[in-house]
């Protein structure tokens, strides 16, 4: 019998992702160093590449879900993880021995992975998705905020202090070094075509930094 509440399905456009990966070039590294006034090591470049890559892939979801679709999908994943953990715990010792014949820790590894997936799903549901849904957000906003959060951690490690942003209510403009850093990362050729204005990125930074406190 088909489920009354089918799990929403979506995925990455692999063909697009393969054609367009995120990789900072030497001249882009030099631009960031000049902007921030610090040296950027290979580890930081790798962190920036990973963060940009995750963001780019998030922008290329097929059949993009609404924010309200993500919540039931995570709940279903948590439930299935609990069910599988219970099944593993219920196995008799002889069956466990047969399954573990070639890898004595196979079941333990699987159970540990399921516990991590369940815990991570709960955290995403409670700390990220719920806040976005409650505020009427959507997956694109989740991806944008996650990218800014990742950039804030990199910025803090580089600069030795928390990122900040200023706002002038008279001109309605945002300013600050972290804003410049984020804008450059958003507007690198790797993400060409991503329509993020200074105002949009500034507002997103304020939102993300407020949640970090």
Protein backbone atom coordinates (compact mmCIF):
# COMPACT_ATOMS: atom_id res chain seq x y z
CA UNK A 1 0.00 0.00 0.00
CA UNK A 2 1.50 3.38 -0.99
CA UNK A 3 2.36 5.79 1.82
CA UNK A 4 -0.23 8.43 2.60
CA UNK A 5 2.56 10.95 3.02
CA UNK A 6 5.12 10.33 0.25
CA UNK A 7 8.59 11.65 0.99
CA UNK A 8 9.44 14.66 -1.20
CA UNK A 9 12.20 13.89 -3.69
CA UNK A 10 14.73 16.23 -5.17
CA UNK A 11 18.40 16.11 -6.08
CA UNK A 12 21.35 17.87 -7.64
CA UNK A 13 21.69 18.52 -11.33
CA UNK A 14 24.86 16.46 -11.69
CA UNK A 15 25.44 17.44 -15.32
CA UNK A 16 25.55 21.11 -14.32
CA UNK A 17 27.70 20.43 -11.28
CA UNK A 18 30.27 18.53 -13.35
CA UNK A 19 30.53 21.35 -15.88
CA UNK A 20 30.90 24.04 -13.28
CA UNK A 21 32.87 23.46 -10.09
CA UNK A 22 33.96 26.10 -7.59
CA UNK A 23 37.69 26.77 -7.54
CA UNK A 24 39.40 30.02 -6.59
CA UNK A 25 42.26 31.04 -8.86
CA UNK A 26 45.52 32.66 -7.72
CA UNK A 27 44.40 36.15 -8.73
CA UNK A 28 41.23 35.71 -6.67
CA UNK A 29 43.28 34.63 -3.67
CA UNK A 30 45.44 37.74 -4.10
CA UNK A 31 42.32 39.90 -4.27
CA UNK A 32 41.07 38.47 -0.97
CA UNK A 33 44.49 38.96 0.67
CA UNK A 34 44.61 42.59 -0.46
CA UNK A 35 41.04 43.18 0.70
CA UNK A 36 41.51 41.69 4.18
CA UNK A 37 45.16 42.63 4.66
CA UNK A 38 46.17 39.10 5.66
CA UNK A 39 47.85 36.10 4.06
CA UNK A 40 45.50 33.34 2.91
CA UNK A 41 46.98 29.86 3.25
CA UNK A 42 46.17 26.74 1.22
CA UNK A 43 43.90 25.37 3.97
CA UNK A 44 41.75 28.51 3.87
CA UNK A 45 41.51 28.38 0.08
CA UNK A 46 40.32 24.78 0.39
CA UNK A 47 37.70 25.85 2.94
CA UNK A 48 36.52 28.63 0.61
CA UNK A 49 36.34 26.17 -2.29
CA UNK A 50 34.28 23.70 -0.23
CA UNK A 51 31.91 26.40 1.01
CA UNK A 52 31.46 27.84 -2.49
CA UNK A 53 30.99 24.37 -3.94
CA UNK A 54 28.26 23.50 -1.45
CA UNK A 55 26.51 26.78 -2.18
CA UNK A 56 26.73 26.31 -5.93
CA UNK A 57 25.32 22.78 -5.72
CA UNK A 58 22.48 24.04 -3.53
CA UNK A 59 21.56 26.49 -6.29
CA UNK A 60 21.28 23.64 -8.77
CA UNK A 61 18.71 21.47 -7.06
CA UNK A 62 16.36 19.70 -9.45
CA UNK A 63 12.65 20.05 -8.65
CA UNK A 64 13.48 22.59 -5.96
CA UNK A 65 11.40 21.89 -2.85
CA UNK A 66 9.46 24.43 -0.89
CA UNK A 67 10.64 25.01 2.64
CA UNK A 68 7.56 23.20 3.93
CA UNK A 69 8.70 20.06 2.03
CA UNK A 70 12.01 19.85 3.84
CA UNK A 71 10.47 19.53 7.31
CA UNK A 72 8.48 16.32 6.63
CA UNK A 73 11.42 14.85 4.71
CA UNK A 74 13.72 15.29 7.71
CA UNK A 75 11.07 13.93 10.07
CA UNK A 76 10.71 10.86 7.83
CA UNK A 77 14.50 10.39 7.81
CA UNK A 78 14.64 10.59 11.61
CA UNK A 79 11.82 8.03 11.93
CA UNK A 80 13.43 5.62 9.44
CA UNK A 81 16.77 5.95 11.25
CA UNK A 82 15.08 5.09 14.55
CA UNK A 83 13.37 2.09 12.95
CA UNK A 84 16.64 0.77 11.50
CA UNK A 85 18.48 1.27 14.79
CA UNK A 86 15.74 -0.68 16.59
CA UNK A 87 15.98 -3.48 14.01
CA UNK A 88 19.75 -3.72 14.47
CA UNK A 89 19.39 -3.82 18.24
CA UNK A 90 16.81 -6.59 17.95
CA UNK A 91 19.08 -8.94 15.96
CA UNK A 92 20.11 -12.10 17.79
CA UNK A 93 23.79 -12.75 18.34
CA UNK A 94 24.00 -15.56 15.75
CA UNK A 95 22.57 -13.35 12.99
CA UNK A 96 24.93 -10.53 13.97
CA UNK A 97 27.84 -12.97 13.77
CA UNK A 98 26.84 -14.07 10.26
CA UNK A 99 26.48 -10.47 9.06
CA UNK A 100 29.76 -9.46 10.69
CA UNK A 101 31.69 -12.45 9.37
CA UNK A 102 33.95 -10.36 7.14
CA UNK A 103 33.84 -7.15 9.14
CA UNK A 104 33.43 -7.66 12.88
CA UNK A 105 32.31 -4.08 13.40
CA UNK A 106 29.95 -3.75 10.42
CA UNK A 107 26.71 -3.54 12.42
CA UNK A 108 28.28 -1.23 14.99
CA UNK A 109 29.52 1.05 12.19
CA UNK A 110 26.09 1.09 10.57
CA UNK A 111 24.36 1.82 13.86
CA UNK A 112 26.83 4.60 14.62
CA UNK A 113 26.28 6.16 11.19
CA UNK A 114 22.48 6.02 11.64
CA UNK A 115 22.75 7.69 15.05
CA UNK A 116 24.86 10.47 13.50
CA UNK A 117 22.40 10.93 10.61
CA UNK A 118 19.49 11.07 13.05
CA UNK A 119 21.25 13.56 15.31
CA UNK A 120 22.32 15.78 12.43
CA UNK A 121 18.80 15.70 10.95
CA UNK A 122 17.31 16.75 14.28
CA UNK A 123 19.78 19.62 14.55
CA UNK A 124 19.05 20.85 11.01
CA UNK A 125 15.31 20.57 11.66
CA UNK A 126 15.39 22.41 14.97
CA UNK A 127 18.16 24.95 14.44
CA UNK A 128 17.96 25.78 10.75
CA UNK A 129 14.88 24.70 8.81
CA UNK A 130 12.36 25.53 11.52
CA UNK A 131 13.62 29.11 11.80
CA UNK A 132 13.55 29.58 8.03
CA UNK A 133 10.06 28.08 7.68
CA UNK A 134 8.72 30.13 10.60
CA UNK A 135 9.94 33.27 8.85
CA UNK A 136 8.54 32.25 5.48
CA UNK A 137 11.92 31.46 3.95
CA UNK A 138 12.79 28.99 1.21
CA UNK A 139 15.65 26.64 0.24
CA UNK A 140 17.51 29.33 -1.69
CA UNK A 141 17.58 31.45 1.45
CA UNK A 142 18.78 28.46 3.48
CA UNK A 143 21.65 27.93 1.02
CA UNK A 144 22.55 31.63 1.06
CA UNK A 145 22.53 31.82 4.86
CA UNK A 146 24.61 28.67 5.18
CA UNK A 147 27.18 30.09 2.76
CA UNK A 148 27.40 33.32 4.76
CA UNK A 149 27.72 31.32 7.98
CA UNK A 150 30.58 29.30 6.45
CA UNK A 151 32.25 32.52 5.30
CA UNK A 152 31.88 34.01 8.79
CA UNK A 153 33.85 31.10 10.30
CA UNK A 154 36.59 31.49 7.69
CA UNK A 155 36.68 35.26 8.25
CA UNK A 156 36.99 34.82 12.02
CA UNK A 157 39.90 32.41 11.61
CA UNK A 158 41.67 34.76 9.20
CA UNK A 159 41.07 37.99 11.09
CA UNK A 160 41.05 36.71 14.68
CA UNK A 161 37.75 38.41 15.46
CA UNK A 162 34.04 38.01 14.86
CA UNK A 163 32.64 39.53 11.64
CA UNK A 164 30.46 42.62 11.92
CA UNK A 165 28.38 44.77 9.59
CA UNK A 166 27.21 48.39 9.77
CA UNK A 167 23.96 49.86 8.54
CA UNK A 168 23.14 53.51 7.79
CA UNK A 169 19.38 54.03 8.22
CA UNK A 170 19.50 57.34 6.34
CA UNK A 171 21.13 56.03 3.18
CA UNK A 172 19.82 52.50 3.81
CA UNK A 173 23.25 51.14 2.94
CA UNK A 174 25.25 48.35 4.57
CA UNK A 175 29.03 48.55 4.94
CA UNK A 176 31.96 46.72 6.46
CA UNK A 177 34.92 44.52 5.61
CA UNK A 178 32.97 41.30 6.11
CA UNK A 179 30.31 42.57 3.70
CA UNK A 180 33.03 43.30 1.09
CA UNK A 181 34.45 39.81 1.62
CA UNK A 182 31.04 38.14 1.21
CA UNK A 183 30.15 40.21 -1.84
CA UNK A 184 33.39 39.22 -3.52
CA UNK A 185 32.78 35.54 -2.76
CA UNK A 186 29.19 35.80 -4.04
CA UNK A 187 30.27 37.55 -7.21
CA UNK A 188 33.31 35.50 -8.21
CA UNK A 189 33.18 34.18 -11.79
CA UNK A 190 32.52 30.75 -10.29
CA UNK A 191 29.09 31.96 -9.24
CA UNK A 192 28.49 34.26 -12.20
CA UNK A 193 24.83 34.91 -12.73
CA UNK A 194 23.86 34.59 -9.06
CA UNK A 195 21.66 37.68 -8.59
CA UNK A 196 22.78 38.87 -5.16
CA UNK A 197 22.85 42.62 -4.65
CA UNK A 198 24.70 44.47 -1.92
CA UNK A 199 21.43 45.13 -0.11
CA UNK A 200 20.34 41.48 -0.26
CA UNK A 201 23.70 40.17 0.97
CA UNK A 202 23.86 42.85 3.69
CA UNK A 203 20.41 41.93 5.01
CA UNK A 204 21.32 38.24 4.95
CA UNK A 205 24.55 38.92 6.88
CA UNK A 206 22.63 40.79 9.59
CA UNK A 207 20.21 37.87 9.87
CA UNK A 208 22.98 35.25 10.08
CA UNK A 209 25.13 37.17 12.57
CA UNK A 210 22.12 37.75 14.80
CA UNK A 211 21.45 33.99 14.91
CA UNK A 212 25.08 33.30 15.81
CA UNK A 213 24.86 35.34 19.01
